[in-house]
Amino acid sequence: MTDRTNETDRAASEALGLCVVANVAQETDHGEGGLEIRAGLRHFAPGAKLWIAPPRWWNGHVTVAGRHRGNGRRYTTIVVQERFLENFRVGAVHSPALHRALGGGSWSAEEAERYVRYRAVPRLAAQVQRAGEEFFRYATAVTDPPPMELEHEGVTYHLAHFNARRARYSPLPPPVEPSPPSPPVGG
């Protein structure tokens, strides 16, 4: 047991930093309303392991490094949408080439764990339509599948529409469907 502990300590000491690691989703949605389904991404195959660089902004996009679909020898660094990634976890960076591809930075253990916990719950962008307005405003993110009702700024909104990218809420309650006519009695 001592040998195994020493090996783990030695491997951890050789790590160049911590990083959030994810895989490319098997199927990704593109096009209007997310109706075009593709296997993986243009630059990365489905299930490809990607290392996420520490975030510079929080707009749904992340800088990732991974082995390109066409040339698997070198690391490629590009910006992708977070929604195309799955299976987030924390991992150590051991390769100097990967460390350079990530810009030389690394995550703190607390930041990485917090990010992984946040990404563990699927989320959609939520938009609300205020009374008297024809357009939708962005609200907070909601879980996927979205809840039927959303409380925002003291107003209850009802789910009007959702797709792979967003959920839209309206202040109007959902329409009530008329019940089917009952068959005549006796006749």
N, C-alpha and C. Protein backbone atom coordinates (compact mmCIF):
# COMPACT_ATOMS: atom_id res chain seq x y z
N MET A 1 0.82 -1.19 0.00
CA MET A 1 0.00 0.00 0.00
C MET A 1 0.86 1.25 0.00
N THR A 2 2.02 1.20 0.65
CA THR A 2 2.92 2.33 0.71
C THR A 2 3.48 2.64 -0.67
N ASP A 3 3.80 1.60 -1.47
CA ASP A 3 4.33 1.82 -2.81
C ASP A 3 3.33 2.56 -3.68
N ARG A 4 2.05 2.16 -3.58
CA ARG A 4 1.01 2.81 -4.38
C ARG A 4 0.85 4.28 -3.97
N THR A 5 0.91 4.58 -2.69
CA THR A 5 0.81 5.95 -2.21
C THR A 5 1.98 6.77 -2.71
N ASN A 6 3.18 6.21 -2.68
CA ASN A 6 4.36 6.92 -3.16
C ASN A 6 4.26 7.20 -4.66
N GLU A 7 3.73 6.24 -5.44
CA GLU A 7 3.55 6.46 -6.88
C GLU A 7 2.57 7.59 -7.13
N THR A 8 1.46 7.62 -6.36
CA THR A 8 0.46 8.69 -6.52
C THR A 8 1.06 10.03 -6.17
N ASP A 9 1.82 10.10 -5.08
CA ASP A 9 2.45 11.36 -4.69
C ASP A 9 3.44 11.82 -5.74
N ARG A 10 4.21 10.89 -6.30
CA ARG A 10 5.20 11.24 -7.32
C ARG A 10 4.50 11.76 -8.58
N ALA A 11 3.40 11.10 -8.99
CA ALA A 11 2.66 11.54 -10.18
C ALA A 11 2.05 12.92 -9.95
N ALA A 12 1.52 13.16 -8.75
CA ALA A 12 0.92 14.45 -8.44
C ALA A 12 1.97 15.55 -8.42
N SER A 13 3.17 15.22 -7.96
CA SER A 13 4.22 16.25 -7.91
C SER A 13 4.72 16.59 -9.31
N GLU A 14 4.57 15.68 -10.26
CA GLU A 14 5.02 15.94 -11.63
C GLU A 14 3.97 16.70 -12.44
N ALA A 15 2.76 16.86 -11.92
CA ALA A 15 1.71 17.56 -12.65
C ALA A 15 2.09 19.03 -12.80
N LEU A 16 1.80 19.59 -13.97
CA LEU A 16 2.10 20.99 -14.25
C LEU A 16 0.97 21.91 -13.80
N GLY A 17 -0.17 21.35 -13.48
CA GLY A 17 -1.31 22.14 -13.01
C GLY A 17 -2.58 21.33 -13.08
N LEU A 18 -3.66 21.92 -12.57
CA LEU A 18 -4.98 21.30 -12.63
C LEU A 18 -5.78 21.90 -13.77
N CYS A 19 -6.69 21.11 -14.28
CA CYS A 19 -7.50 21.56 -15.40
C CYS A 19 -8.86 20.89 -15.34
N VAL A 20 -9.87 21.53 -15.89
CA VAL A 20 -11.17 20.89 -16.06
C VAL A 20 -11.13 20.14 -17.39
N VAL A 21 -11.55 18.89 -17.35
CA VAL A 21 -11.53 18.02 -18.53
C VAL A 21 -12.96 17.67 -18.88
N ALA A 22 -13.27 17.59 -20.17
CA ALA A 22 -14.62 17.21 -20.62
C ALA A 22 -14.49 16.42 -21.91
N ASN A 23 -15.60 15.83 -22.32
CA ASN A 23 -15.64 15.11 -23.60
C ASN A 23 -16.61 15.81 -24.54
N VAL A 24 -16.34 15.70 -25.84
CA VAL A 24 -17.26 16.23 -26.84
C VAL A 24 -18.51 15.35 -26.85
N ALA A 25 -19.67 15.98 -26.88
CA ALA A 25 -20.93 15.24 -26.91
C ALA A 25 -21.01 14.39 -28.18
N GLN A 26 -21.66 13.23 -28.07
CA GLN A 26 -21.81 12.33 -29.22
C GLN A 26 -22.57 13.01 -30.34
N GLU A 27 -23.64 13.72 -30.00
CA GLU A 27 -24.44 14.45 -30.99
C GLU A 27 -24.52 15.91 -30.56
N THR A 28 -24.28 16.81 -31.51
CA THR A 28 -24.37 18.24 -31.24
C THR A 28 -25.40 18.85 -32.17
N ASP A 29 -26.13 19.83 -31.65
CA ASP A 29 -27.18 20.47 -32.44
C ASP A 29 -26.68 21.78 -33.02
N HIS A 30 -27.04 22.02 -34.27
CA HIS A 30 -26.61 23.23 -34.99
C HIS A 30 -27.80 23.74 -35.79
N GLY A 31 -27.63 24.90 -36.38
CA GLY A 31 -28.67 25.46 -37.24
C GLY A 31 -29.80 26.09 -36.45
N GLU A 32 -30.79 26.56 -37.17
CA GLU A 32 -31.91 27.24 -36.55
C GLU A 32 -32.72 26.29 -35.68
N GLY A 33 -32.85 26.65 -34.40
CA GLY A 33 -33.61 25.83 -33.47
C GLY A 33 -32.92 24.55 -33.08
N GLY A 34 -31.67 24.36 -33.49
CA GLY A 34 -30.93 23.14 -33.15
C GLY A 34 -31.43 21.91 -33.87
N LEU A 35 -31.98 22.08 -35.08
CA LEU A 35 -32.57 20.96 -35.79
C LEU A 35 -31.56 20.12 -36.57
N GLU A 36 -30.38 20.67 -36.84
CA GLU A 36 -29.35 19.92 -37.56
C GLU A 36 -28.47 19.21 -36.53
N ILE A 37 -28.43 17.90 -36.57
CA ILE A 37 -27.68 17.10 -35.62
C ILE A 37 -26.41 16.58 -36.30
N ARG A 38 -25.26 16.78 -35.62
CA ARG A 38 -23.98 16.32 -36.15
C ARG A 38 -23.30 15.41 -35.14
N ALA A 39 -22.41 14.57 -35.62
CA ALA A 39 -21.60 13.72 -34.74
C ALA A 39 -20.38 14.51 -34.31
N GLY A 40 -20.33 14.89 -33.04
CA GLY A 40 -19.20 15.65 -32.52
C GLY A 40 -19.16 17.07 -33.05
N LEU A 41 -17.95 17.60 -33.16
CA LEU A 41 -17.75 18.97 -33.65
C LEU A 41 -16.89 18.93 -34.91
N ARG A 42 -16.81 20.05 -35.57
CA ARG A 42 -16.03 20.13 -36.80
C ARG A 42 -14.57 19.75 -36.56
N HIS A 43 -13.99 20.23 -35.45
CA HIS A 43 -12.57 19.99 -35.18
C HIS A 43 -12.30 18.80 -34.28
N PHE A 44 -13.32 18.31 -33.55
CA PHE A 44 -13.11 17.23 -32.60
C PHE A 44 -14.15 16.14 -32.79
N ALA A 45 -13.71 14.90 -32.74
CA ALA A 45 -14.59 13.74 -32.91
C ALA A 45 -15.49 13.57 -31.68
N PRO A 46 -16.61 12.85 -31.83
CA PRO A 46 -17.47 12.59 -30.67
C PRO A 46 -16.68 11.84 -29.59
N GLY A 47 -16.84 12.26 -28.34
CA GLY A 47 -16.16 11.62 -27.23
C GLY A 47 -14.72 12.06 -27.04
N ALA A 48 -14.21 12.95 -27.89
CA ALA A 48 -12.82 13.40 -27.76
C ALA A 48 -12.61 14.07 -26.41
N LYS A 49 -11.46 13.83 -25.81
CA LYS A 49 -11.12 14.40 -24.52
C LYS A 49 -10.56 15.80 -24.74
N LEU A 50 -11.17 16.80 -24.08
CA LEU A 50 -10.73 18.18 -24.20
C LEU A 50 -10.38 18.74 -22.83
N TRP A 51 -9.34 19.53 -22.78
CA TRP A 51 -8.93 20.20 -21.56
C TRP A 51 -9.39 21.65 -21.67
N ILE A 52 -10.08 22.14 -20.66
CA ILE A 52 -10.64 23.49 -20.69
C ILE A 52 -9.69 24.44 -19.98
N ALA A 53 -9.29 25.51 -20.68
CA ALA A 53 -8.41 26.52 -20.11
C ALA A 53 -9.19 27.33 -19.07
N PRO A 54 -8.50 27.91 -18.10
CA PRO A 54 -9.20 28.77 -17.14
C PRO A 54 -9.99 29.84 -17.88
N PRO A 55 -11.22 30.10 -17.46
CA PRO A 55 -12.09 31.00 -18.23
C PRO A 55 -11.62 32.45 -18.20
N ARG A 56 -11.78 33.08 -19.34
CA ARG A 56 -11.49 34.51 -19.46
C ARG A 56 -12.79 35.31 -19.48
N TRP A 57 -13.88 34.64 -19.80
CA TRP A 57 -15.20 35.27 -19.86
C TRP A 57 -16.24 34.19 -19.57
N TRP A 58 -17.46 34.59 -19.27
CA TRP A 58 -18.53 33.64 -18.94
C TRP A 58 -19.71 33.87 -19.85
N ASN A 59 -19.57 33.59 -21.12
CA ASN A 59 -20.66 33.81 -22.07
C ASN A 59 -21.09 32.52 -22.76
N GLY A 60 -20.83 31.39 -22.14
CA GLY A 60 -21.22 30.12 -22.74
C GLY A 60 -20.18 29.53 -23.66
N HIS A 61 -19.03 30.20 -23.82
CA HIS A 61 -17.94 29.70 -24.65
C HIS A 61 -16.72 29.46 -23.78
N VAL A 62 -15.94 28.44 -24.12
CA VAL A 62 -14.71 28.15 -23.38
C VAL A 62 -13.59 27.86 -24.36
N THR A 63 -12.36 28.14 -23.93
CA THR A 63 -11.18 27.81 -24.71
C THR A 63 -10.76 26.40 -24.33
N VAL A 64 -10.62 25.54 -25.32
CA VAL A 64 -10.26 24.14 -25.08
C VAL A 64 -9.03 23.77 -25.88
N ALA A 65 -8.34 22.76 -25.39
CA ALA A 65 -7.21 22.17 -26.12
C ALA A 65 -7.47 20.67 -26.22
N GLY A 66 -7.21 20.13 -27.39
CA GLY A 66 -7.42 18.70 -27.60
C GLY A 66 -6.76 18.27 -28.89
N ARG A 67 -6.82 16.99 -29.15
CA ARG A 67 -6.23 16.46 -30.38
C ARG A 67 -7.25 16.58 -31.51
N HIS A 68 -6.83 17.22 -32.59
CA HIS A 68 -7.71 17.53 -33.73
C HIS A 68 -8.19 16.26 -34.40
N ARG A 69 -9.38 16.34 -34.96
CA ARG A 69 -10.01 15.21 -35.65
C ARG A 69 -9.13 14.70 -36.79
N GLY A 70 -8.48 15.58 -37.53
CA GLY A 70 -7.69 15.17 -38.70
C GLY A 70 -6.26 14.82 -38.37
N ASN A 71 -5.66 15.49 -37.40
CA ASN A 71 -4.26 15.27 -37.06
C ASN A 71 -4.19 15.05 -35.55
N GLY A 72 -4.15 13.82 -35.10
CA GLY A 72 -4.20 13.50 -33.69
C GLY A 72 -2.89 13.61 -32.96
N ARG A 73 -1.84 14.09 -33.60
CA ARG A 73 -0.54 14.15 -32.93
C ARG A 73 -0.36 15.43 -32.12
N ARG A 74 -0.84 16.55 -32.64
CA ARG A 74 -0.62 17.83 -31.96
C ARG A 74 -1.90 18.32 -31.31
N TYR A 75 -1.73 19.19 -30.33
CA TYR A 75 -2.88 19.79 -29.66
C TYR A 75 -3.36 21.01 -30.43
N THR A 76 -4.66 21.15 -30.53
CA THR A 76 -5.29 22.30 -31.17
C THR A 76 -6.04 23.06 -30.09
N THR A 77 -5.95 24.37 -30.11
CA THR A 77 -6.65 25.21 -29.14
C THR A 77 -7.68 26.05 -29.89
N ILE A 78 -8.95 25.91 -29.52
CA ILE A 78 -10.01 26.70 -30.12
C ILE A 78 -11.05 27.04 -29.06
N VAL A 79 -11.99 27.89 -29.42
CA VAL A 79 -13.10 28.26 -28.55
C VAL A 79 -14.33 27.50 -29.01
N VAL A 80 -15.01 26.82 -28.07
CA VAL A 80 -16.23 26.08 -28.38
C VAL A 80 -17.31 26.47 -27.38
N GLN A 81 -18.54 26.14 -27.72
CA GLN A 81 -19.65 26.39 -26.81
C GLN A 81 -19.68 25.29 -25.75
N GLU A 82 -19.94 25.70 -24.51
CA GLU A 82 -19.98 24.75 -23.40
C GLU A 82 -21.03 23.67 -23.61
N ARG A 83 -22.11 24.00 -24.28
CA ARG A 83 -23.21 23.04 -24.43
C ARG A 83 -22.84 21.84 -25.29
N PHE A 84 -21.72 21.91 -26.00
CA PHE A 84 -21.27 20.79 -26.81
C PHE A 84 -20.38 19.83 -26.02
N LEU A 85 -20.17 20.11 -24.74
CA LEU A 85 -19.29 19.29 -23.91
C LEU A 85 -20.11 18.57 -22.84
N GLU A 86 -19.59 17.43 -22.39
CA GLU A 86 -20.26 16.65 -21.35
C GLU A 86 -19.21 15.95 -20.50
N ASN A 87 -19.66 15.33 -19.41
CA ASN A 87 -18.78 14.56 -18.54
C ASN A 87 -17.63 15.40 -18.00
N PHE A 88 -17.95 16.52 -17.36
CA PHE A 88 -16.94 17.42 -16.80
C PHE A 88 -16.31 16.79 -15.56
N ARG A 89 -15.00 16.97 -15.43
CA ARG A 89 -14.27 16.45 -14.28
C ARG A 89 -12.97 17.23 -14.14
N VAL A 90 -12.31 17.07 -13.00
CA VAL A 90 -11.04 17.73 -12.75
C VAL A 90 -9.92 16.75 -13.05
N GLY A 91 -8.89 17.21 -13.74
CA GLY A 91 -7.76 16.35 -14.06
C GLY A 91 -6.46 17.13 -13.99
N ALA A 92 -5.36 16.42 -13.89
CA ALA A 92 -4.04 17.04 -13.84
C ALA A 92 -3.45 17.12 -15.24
N VAL A 93 -2.68 18.17 -15.47
CA VAL A 93 -1.99 18.34 -16.75
C VAL A 93 -0.55 17.89 -16.53
N HIS A 94 -0.12 16.89 -17.29
CA HIS A 94 1.25 16.35 -17.17
C HIS A 94 2.11 16.70 -18.37
N SER A 95 1.50 16.93 -19.53
CA SER A 95 2.24 17.16 -20.76
C SER A 95 2.63 18.64 -20.90
N PRO A 96 3.92 18.92 -21.12
CA PRO A 96 4.33 20.31 -21.35
C PRO A 96 3.67 20.91 -22.61
N ALA A 97 3.47 20.08 -23.64
CA ALA A 97 2.83 20.57 -24.87
C ALA A 97 1.38 20.99 -24.59
N LEU A 98 0.68 20.19 -23.80
CA LEU A 98 -0.70 20.52 -23.44
C LEU A 98 -0.73 21.77 -22.57
N HIS A 99 0.21 21.87 -21.65
CA HIS A 99 0.28 23.05 -20.77
C HIS A 99 0.50 24.32 -21.61
N ARG A 100 1.34 24.24 -22.63
CA ARG A 100 1.56 25.39 -23.52
C ARG A 100 0.30 25.70 -24.32
N ALA A 101 -0.39 24.64 -24.80
CA ALA A 101 -1.61 24.84 -25.59
C ALA A 101 -2.70 25.52 -24.77
N LEU A 102 -2.70 25.28 -23.47
CA LEU A 102 -3.69 25.92 -22.58
C LEU A 102 -3.28 27.32 -22.17
N GLY A 103 -2.18 27.81 -22.69
CA GLY A 103 -1.74 29.17 -22.37
C GLY A 103 -0.88 29.24 -21.13
N GLY A 104 -0.44 28.12 -20.61
CA GLY A 104 0.44 28.12 -19.45
C GLY A 104 -0.26 28.32 -18.13
N GLY A 105 -1.56 28.54 -18.12
CA GLY A 105 -2.29 28.75 -16.88
C GLY A 105 -2.90 27.46 -16.37
N SER A 106 -3.38 27.51 -15.14
CA SER A 106 -4.08 26.35 -14.60
C SER A 106 -5.16 26.83 -13.63
N TRP A 107 -6.07 25.95 -13.33
CA TRP A 107 -7.16 26.23 -12.42
C TRP A 107 -6.70 26.02 -10.99
N SER A 108 -7.31 26.74 -10.04
CA SER A 108 -7.12 26.38 -8.64
C SER A 108 -8.06 25.20 -8.37
N ALA A 109 -7.76 24.42 -7.37
CA ALA A 109 -8.59 23.25 -7.07
C ALA A 109 -10.03 23.67 -6.75
N GLU A 110 -10.21 24.76 -6.02
CA GLU A 110 -11.55 25.22 -5.64
C GLU A 110 -12.34 25.67 -6.87
N GLU A 111 -11.70 26.46 -7.75
CA GLU A 111 -12.38 26.93 -8.97
C GLU A 111 -12.81 25.76 -9.85
N ALA A 112 -11.91 24.81 -10.02
CA ALA A 112 -12.19 23.66 -10.89
C ALA A 112 -13.35 22.85 -10.33
N GLU A 113 -13.34 22.56 -9.03
CA GLU A 113 -14.44 21.80 -8.43
C GLU A 113 -15.76 22.54 -8.53
N ARG A 114 -15.75 23.85 -8.30
CA ARG A 114 -16.97 24.66 -8.39
C ARG A 114 -17.53 24.63 -9.82
N TYR A 115 -16.66 24.75 -10.80
CA TYR A 115 -17.08 24.72 -12.20
C TYR A 115 -17.68 23.36 -12.56
N VAL A 116 -17.05 22.29 -12.12
CA VAL A 116 -17.54 20.93 -12.42
C VAL A 116 -18.91 20.72 -11.77
N ARG A 117 -19.08 21.18 -10.52
CA ARG A 117 -20.40 21.05 -9.86
C ARG A 117 -21.46 21.84 -10.61
N TYR A 118 -21.13 23.04 -11.06
CA TYR A 118 -22.09 23.86 -11.80
C TYR A 118 -22.49 23.18 -13.10
N ARG A 119 -21.53 22.64 -13.82
CA ARG A 119 -21.81 22.02 -15.12
C ARG A 119 -22.47 20.64 -14.99
N ALA A 120 -22.52 20.08 -13.78
CA ALA A 120 -23.14 18.78 -13.59
C ALA A 120 -24.64 18.81 -13.82
N VAL A 121 -25.25 19.99 -13.71
CA VAL A 121 -26.69 20.14 -13.92
C VAL A 121 -26.91 20.75 -15.31
N PRO A 122 -27.62 20.04 -16.22
CA PRO A 122 -27.87 20.61 -17.55
C PRO A 122 -28.69 21.90 -17.44
N ARG A 123 -28.33 22.91 -18.19
CA ARG A 123 -29.00 24.20 -18.11
C ARG A 123 -29.35 24.73 -19.50
N LEU A 124 -30.43 25.52 -19.53
CA LEU A 124 -30.85 26.24 -20.73
C LEU A 124 -30.93 27.73 -20.40
N ALA A 125 -30.70 28.56 -21.38
CA ALA A 125 -30.91 30.00 -21.20
C ALA A 125 -32.41 30.24 -21.10
N ALA A 126 -32.83 31.06 -20.16
CA ALA A 126 -34.25 31.35 -19.99
C ALA A 126 -34.53 32.78 -20.45
N GLN A 127 -35.60 32.94 -21.20
CA GLN A 127 -36.03 34.26 -21.65
C GLN A 127 -37.45 34.48 -21.15
N VAL A 128 -37.73 35.70 -20.70
CA VAL A 128 -39.07 36.03 -20.22
C VAL A 128 -39.64 37.16 -21.07
N GLN A 129 -40.95 37.11 -21.26
CA GLN A 129 -41.65 38.16 -22.00
C GLN A 129 -42.48 38.93 -20.98
N ARG A 130 -42.12 40.18 -20.76
CA ARG A 130 -42.85 40.98 -19.80
C ARG A 130 -44.17 41.43 -20.39
N ALA A 131 -45.14 41.69 -19.53
CA ALA A 131 -46.47 42.12 -19.97
C ALA A 131 -46.35 43.40 -20.79
N GLY A 132 -47.00 43.43 -21.94
CA GLY A 132 -47.00 44.61 -22.80
C GLY A 132 -45.81 44.71 -23.73
N GLU A 133 -44.85 43.80 -23.65
CA GLU A 133 -43.68 43.83 -24.52
C GLU A 133 -43.75 42.67 -25.51
N GLU A 134 -43.28 42.93 -26.72
CA GLU A 134 -43.33 41.89 -27.75
C GLU A 134 -42.06 41.05 -27.81
N PHE A 135 -40.98 41.49 -27.16
CA PHE A 135 -39.72 40.77 -27.24
C PHE A 135 -39.42 40.10 -25.90
N PHE A 136 -38.47 39.18 -25.95
CA PHE A 136 -38.08 38.42 -24.77
C PHE A 136 -36.79 38.99 -24.19
N ARG A 137 -36.68 38.97 -22.87
CA ARG A 137 -35.46 39.40 -22.17
C ARG A 137 -34.83 38.17 -21.52
N TYR A 138 -33.50 38.17 -21.47
CA TYR A 138 -32.82 37.04 -20.83
C TYR A 138 -32.98 37.12 -19.32
N ALA A 139 -33.28 36.00 -18.73
CA ALA A 139 -33.37 35.87 -17.28
C ALA A 139 -32.26 34.91 -16.86
N THR A 140 -32.43 34.27 -15.75
CA THR A 140 -31.45 33.31 -15.27
C THR A 140 -31.51 32.01 -16.07
N ALA A 141 -30.52 31.15 -15.91
CA ALA A 141 -30.53 29.84 -16.56
C ALA A 141 -31.46 28.91 -15.78
N VAL A 142 -32.07 27.98 -16.49
CA VAL A 142 -32.96 26.99 -15.87
C VAL A 142 -32.45 25.59 -16.19
N THR A 143 -32.94 24.61 -15.45
CA THR A 143 -32.52 23.23 -15.69
C THR A 143 -33.12 22.72 -17.00
N ASP A 144 -32.54 21.67 -17.51
CA ASP A 144 -33.04 21.04 -18.73
C ASP A 144 -33.50 19.64 -18.36
N PRO A 145 -34.76 19.29 -18.48
CA PRO A 145 -35.88 20.03 -19.03
C PRO A 145 -36.32 21.18 -18.13
N PRO A 146 -36.86 22.25 -18.75
CA PRO A 146 -37.20 23.45 -17.97
C PRO A 146 -38.46 23.25 -17.12
N PRO A 147 -38.55 23.98 -16.00
CA PRO A 147 -39.76 23.91 -15.18
C PRO A 147 -40.93 24.57 -15.89
N MET A 148 -42.15 24.18 -15.55
CA MET A 148 -43.34 24.74 -16.18
C MET A 148 -43.56 26.20 -15.77
N GLU A 149 -43.12 26.57 -14.57
CA GLU A 149 -43.27 27.95 -14.10
C GLU A 149 -41.92 28.47 -13.63
N LEU A 150 -41.72 29.79 -13.80
CA LEU A 150 -40.49 30.44 -13.39
C LEU A 150 -40.84 31.71 -12.64
N GLU A 151 -40.26 31.88 -11.47
CA GLU A 151 -40.45 33.09 -10.68
C GLU A 151 -39.27 34.00 -10.97
N HIS A 152 -39.54 35.21 -11.51
CA HIS A 152 -38.47 36.14 -11.87
C HIS A 152 -38.91 37.56 -11.53
N GLU A 153 -38.13 38.22 -10.68
CA GLU A 153 -38.41 39.59 -10.26
C GLU A 153 -39.83 39.74 -9.71
N GLY A 154 -40.27 38.75 -8.95
CA GLY A 154 -41.56 38.81 -8.30
C GLY A 154 -42.75 38.47 -9.18
N VAL A 155 -42.52 38.05 -10.40
CA VAL A 155 -43.60 37.72 -11.34
C VAL A 155 -43.48 36.24 -11.70
N THR A 156 -44.61 35.56 -11.78
CA THR A 156 -44.62 34.16 -12.19
C THR A 156 -44.83 34.09 -13.70
N TYR A 157 -43.91 33.41 -14.37
CA TYR A 157 -43.99 33.22 -15.81
C TYR A 157 -44.26 31.74 -16.10
N HIS A 158 -44.94 31.49 -17.22
CA HIS A 158 -45.30 30.13 -17.61
C HIS A 158 -44.53 29.74 -18.86
N LEU A 159 -44.11 28.49 -18.92
CA LEU A 159 -43.34 27.99 -20.06
C LEU A 159 -44.19 28.08 -21.33
N ALA A 160 -43.66 28.79 -22.33
CA ALA A 160 -44.38 28.95 -23.59
C ALA A 160 -43.75 28.09 -24.70
N HIS A 161 -42.41 27.95 -24.68
CA HIS A 161 -41.72 27.22 -25.74
C HIS A 161 -40.31 26.90 -25.26
N PHE A 162 -39.77 25.76 -25.67
CA PHE A 162 -38.35 25.49 -25.43
C PHE A 162 -37.81 24.59 -26.53
N ASN A 163 -36.50 24.73 -26.76
CA ASN A 163 -35.80 23.86 -27.70
C ASN A 163 -34.46 23.48 -27.10
N ALA A 164 -33.52 23.09 -27.90
CA ALA A 164 -32.24 22.61 -27.37
C ALA A 164 -31.40 23.73 -26.78
N ARG A 165 -31.72 24.98 -27.06
CA ARG A 165 -30.88 26.09 -26.62
C ARG A 165 -31.48 26.99 -25.56
N ARG A 166 -32.80 27.16 -25.57
CA ARG A 166 -33.40 28.12 -24.64
C ARG A 166 -34.82 27.74 -24.28
N ALA A 167 -35.27 28.34 -23.19
CA ALA A 167 -36.66 28.18 -22.76
C ALA A 167 -37.28 29.58 -22.72
N ARG A 168 -38.46 29.72 -23.29
CA ARG A 168 -39.15 31.01 -23.30
C ARG A 168 -40.37 30.94 -22.40
N TYR A 169 -40.52 31.98 -21.59
CA TYR A 169 -41.60 32.06 -20.62
C TYR A 169 -42.46 33.28 -20.90
N SER A 170 -43.77 33.13 -20.66
CA SER A 170 -44.74 34.19 -20.89
C SER A 170 -45.51 34.45 -19.59
N PRO A 171 -45.98 35.68 -19.37
CA PRO A 171 -46.79 35.94 -18.18
C PRO A 171 -48.20 35.36 -18.31
N LEU A 172 -48.59 35.00 -19.53
CA LEU A 172 -49.93 34.44 -19.74
C LEU A 172 -49.95 32.97 -19.36
N PRO A 173 -50.99 32.52 -18.68
CA PRO A 173 -51.07 31.10 -18.35
C PRO A 173 -51.29 30.28 -19.61
N PRO A 174 -50.94 29.00 -19.57
CA PRO A 174 -51.15 28.17 -20.76
C PRO A 174 -52.64 28.06 -21.08
N PRO A 175 -52.98 27.92 -22.36
CA PRO A 175 -54.40 27.81 -22.72
C PRO A 175 -55.00 26.51 -22.17
N VAL A 176 -56.27 26.58 -21.84
CA VAL A 176 -56.98 25.41 -21.34
C VAL A 176 -57.64 24.73 -22.54
N GLU A 177 -57.36 23.45 -22.69
CA GLU A 177 -57.96 22.72 -23.81
C GLU A 177 -59.40 22.36 -23.45
N PRO A 178 -60.30 22.53 -24.41
CA PRO A 178 -61.69 22.16 -24.12
C PRO A 178 -61.81 20.64 -23.97
N SER A 179 -62.67 20.24 -23.06
CA SER A 179 -62.86 18.81 -22.87
C SER A 179 -63.73 18.27 -24.00
N PRO A 180 -63.50 17.02 -24.41
CA PRO A 180 -64.29 16.45 -25.51
C PRO A 180 -65.77 16.32 -25.08
N PRO A 181 -66.67 16.48 -26.06
CA PRO A 181 -68.09 16.36 -25.71
C PRO A 181 -68.40 14.95 -25.21
N SER A 182 -69.26 14.87 -24.22
CA SER A 182 -69.62 13.56 -23.70
C SER A 182 -70.67 12.92 -24.60
N PRO A 183 -70.64 11.60 -24.75
CA PRO A 183 -71.61 10.93 -25.62
C PRO A 183 -73.03 11.06 -25.02
N PRO A 184 -74.02 11.10 -25.88
CA PRO A 184 -75.40 11.21 -25.37
C PRO A 184 -75.78 9.99 -24.54
N VAL A 185 -76.54 10.23 -23.51
CA VAL A 185 -76.97 9.16 -22.61
C VAL A 185 -78.25 8.53 -23.14
N GLY A 186 -78.27 7.25 -23.15
CA GLY A 186 -79.51 6.53 -23.51
C GLY A 186 -79.60 6.16 -24.97
N GLY A 187 -79.60 6.92 -25.86
CA GLY A 187 -79.95 6.77 -27.19
C GLY A 187 -79.50 5.77 -28.04
